[in-house]
PDB file of N, CA and C in Angstrom:
ATOM      1  N   MET A   1       0.965  -1.174   0.098  1.00  0.00           N
ATOM      2  CA  MET A   1       0.038   0.061   0.090  1.00  0.00           C
ATOM      3  C   MET A   1       1.209   1.174  -0.034  1.00  0.00           C
ATOM      4  N   ASN A   2       0.720   1.943  -0.857  1.00  0.00           N
ATOM      5  CA  ASN A   2       1.554   3.357  -1.181  1.00  0.00           C
ATOM      6  C   ASN A   2       0.951   4.272   0.000  1.00  0.00           C
ATOM      7  N   LEU A   3       1.921   5.501  -0.040  1.00  0.00           N
ATOM      8  CA  LEU A   3       1.400   6.501   1.173  1.00  0.00           C
ATOM      9  C   LEU A   3      -0.009   7.196   0.598  1.00  0.00           C
ATOM     10  N   LYS A   4      -0.211   7.372  -0.595  1.00  0.00           N
ATOM     11  CA  LYS A   4      -1.537   8.304  -1.171  1.00  0.00           C
ATOM     12  C   LYS A   4      -2.601   7.047  -0.572  1.00  0.00           C
ATOM     13  N   ALA A   5      -2.379   5.787  -0.845  1.00  0.00           N
ATOM     14  CA  ALA A   5      -3.607   5.140  -0.606  1.00  0.00           C
ATOM     15  C   ALA A   5      -3.890   4.941   0.821  1.00  0.00           C
ATOM     16  N   ASN A   6      -2.489   5.071   1.591  1.00  0.00           N
ATOM     17  CA  ASN A   6      -2.831   4.972   2.951  1.00  0.00           C
ATOM     18  C   ASN A   6      -3.530   5.971   3.680  1.00  0.00           C
ATOM     19  N   LEU A   7      -2.919   7.159   3.101  1.00  0.00           N
ATOM     20  CA  LEU A   7      -3.614   8.693   3.402  1.00  0.00           C
ATOM     21  C   LEU A   7      -5.159   8.771   3.274  1.00  0.00           C
ATOM     22  N   ILE A   8      -5.522   8.176   2.211  1.00  0.00           N
ATOM     23  CA  ILE A   8      -7.249   8.283   1.793  1.00  0.00           C
ATOM     24  C   ILE A   8      -7.754   7.219   2.721  1.00  0.00           C
ATOM     25  N   PHE A   9      -7.356   5.975   3.018  1.00  0.00           N
ATOM     26  CA  PHE A   9      -7.937   5.109   3.663  1.00  0.00           C
ATOM     27  C   PHE A   9      -8.107   5.564   4.938  1.00  0.00           C
ATOM     28  N   SER A  10      -6.978   6.309   5.832  1.00  0.00           N
ATOM     29  CA  SER A  10      -7.055   6.908   6.876  1.00  0.00           C
ATOM     30  C   SER A  10      -8.214   7.944   7.204  1.00  0.00           C
ATOM     31  N   LEU A  11      -8.270   8.785   5.967  1.00  0.00           N
ATOM     32  CA  LEU A  11      -9.223   9.901   6.041  1.00  0.00           C
ATOM     33  C   LEU A  11     -10.761   9.151   5.683  1.00  0.00           C
ATOM     34  N   ILE A  12     -10.903   8.287   5.127  1.00  0.00           N
ATOM     35  CA  ILE A  12     -12.017   7.645   5.039  1.00  0.00           C
ATOM     36  C   ILE A  12     -12.396   6.953   6.443  1.00  0.00           C
ATOM     37  N   TYR A  13     -11.342   6.215   7.023  1.00  0.00           N
ATOM     38  CA  TYR A  13     -11.714   5.702   8.295  1.00  0.00           C
ATOM     39  C   TYR A  13     -11.936   6.420   9.442  1.00  0.00           C
ATOM     40  N   HIS A  14     -11.346   7.652   9.402  1.00  0.00           N
ATOM     41  CA  HIS A  14     -11.683   8.349  10.543  1.00  0.00           C
ATOM     42  C   HIS A  14     -13.042   9.348  10.278  1.00  0.00           C
ATOM     43  N   PHE A  15     -13.324   9.596   8.995  1.00  0.00           N
ATOM     44  CA  PHE A  15     -14.447  10.181   8.802  1.00  0.00           C
ATOM     45  C   PHE A  15     -15.785   9.367   9.007  1.00  0.00           C
ATOM     46  N   PHE A  16     -15.815   7.859   8.804  1.00  0.00           N
ATOM     47  CA  PHE A  16     -16.582   7.087   9.090  1.00  0.00           C
ATOM     48  C   PHE A  16     -16.997   6.934  10.535  1.00  0.00           C
ATOM     49  N   LYS A  17     -15.943   6.739  11.310  1.00  0.00           N
ATOM     50  CA  LYS A  17     -15.635   6.695  12.539  1.00  0.00           C
ATOM     51  C   LYS A  17     -16.473   7.890  13.675  1.00  0.00           C
ATOM     52  N   ASN A  18     -15.919   9.106  13.080  1.00  0.00           N
ATOM     53  CA  ASN A  18     -16.774  10.180  13.656  1.00  0.00           C
ATOM     54  C   ASN A  18     -18.203  10.229  13.097  1.00  0.00           C
ATOM     55  N   PHE A  19     -18.755  10.014  12.042  1.00  0.00           N
ATOM     56  CA  PHE A  19     -19.927   9.950  11.414  1.00  0.00           C
ATOM     57  C   PHE A  19     -20.946   9.015  12.396  1.00  0.00           C
ATOM     58  N   PHE A  20     -20.300   7.696  12.454  1.00  0.00           N
ATOM     59  CA  PHE A  20     -21.311   6.923  13.341  1.00  0.00           C
ATOM     60  C   PHE A  20     -21.080   7.344  14.662  1.00  0.00           C
ATOM     61  N   GLN A  21     -20.109   7.783  15.456  1.00  0.00           N
ATOM     62  CA  GLN A  21     -20.286   8.087  16.470  1.00  0.00           C
ATOM     63  C   GLN A  21     -21.123   9.431  17.062  1.00  0.00           C
ATOM     64  N   MET A  22     -20.966  10.188  16.052  1.00  0.00           N
ATOM     65  CA  MET A  22     -22.300  11.303  16.193  1.00  0.00           C
ATOM     66  C   MET A  22     -23.974  10.736  15.836  1.00  0.00           C
ATOM     67  N   ASP A  23     -23.911   9.746  15.090  1.00  0.00           N
ATOM     68  CA  ASP A  23     -25.010   9.191  14.645  1.00  0.00           C
ATOM     69  C   ASP A  23     -25.576   8.597  15.881  1.00  0.00           C
ATOM     70  N   PHE A  24     -24.743   7.711  16.517  1.00  0.00           N
ATOM     71  CA  PHE A  24     -25.270   6.930  17.967  1.00  0.00           C
ATOM     72  C   PHE A  24     -25.750   8.088  18.750  1.00  0.00           C
ATOM     73  N   SER A  25     -24.508   8.940  19.020  1.00  0.00           N
ATOM     74  CA  SER A  25     -24.784   9.669  20.350  1.00  0.00           C
ATOM     75  C   SER A  25     -25.685  10.923  20.134  1.00  0.00           C
ATOM     76  N   SER A  26     -26.150  10.930  18.860  1.00  0.00           N
ATOM     77  CA  SER A  26     -27.359  12.031  19.015  1.00  0.00           C
ATOM     78  C   SER A  26     -28.888  11.401  18.305  1.00  0.00           C
ATOM     79  N   PRO A  27     -29.593  10.683  19.046  1.00  0.00           N
ATOM     80  CA  PRO A  27     -30.792   9.884  18.473  1.00  0.00           C
ATOM     81  C   PRO A  27     -31.997  11.335  18.251  1.00  0.00           C
ATOM     82  N   SER A  28     -31.726  12.595  18.616  1.00  0.00           N
ATOM     83  CA  SER A  28     -32.693  13.426  18.415  1.00  0.00           C
ATOM     84  C   SER A  28     -32.467  13.938  16.690  1.00  0.00           C
ATOM     85  N   HIS A  29     -31.139  13.839  16.323  1.00  0.00           N
ATOM     86  CA  HIS A  29     -30.682  14.163  14.967  1.00  0.00           C
ATOM     87  C   HIS A  29     -31.590  13.154  14.166  1.00  0.00           C
ATOM     88  N   LYS A  30     -31.596  11.976  14.474  1.00  0.00           N
ATOM     89  CA  LYS A  30     -32.297  10.952  13.514  1.00  0.00           C
ATOM     90  C   LYS A  30     -33.771  11.397  13.290  1.00  0.00           C
ATOM     91  N   LYS A  31     -34.357  11.640  14.639  1.00  0.00           N
ATOM     92  CA  LYS A  31     -35.781  11.628  14.658  1.00  0.00           C
ATOM     93  C   LYS A  31     -36.316  13.201  13.672  1.00  0.00           C
ATOM     94  N   ALA A  32     -35.395  14.235  13.711  1.00  0.00           N
ATOM     95  CA  ALA A  32     -35.493  15.407  12.902  1.00  0.00           C
ATOM     96  C   ALA A  32     -35.655  15.031  11.519  1.00  0.00           C
ATOM     97  N   THR A  33     -34.690  14.046  10.945  1.00  0.00           N
ATOM     98  CA  THR A  33     -34.698  13.706   9.420  1.00  0.00           C
ATOM     99  C   THR A  33     -35.800  12.619   9.416  1.00  0.00           C
TER     100      THR A  33
END
């Protein structure tokens, strides 16, 4: 795995990690949508 692919993977991983943490920690946001 080259550096660019590793960087992209890291960004995607952190994005989804933060996204799911926000999603699970705020049920009111789900009800609004």
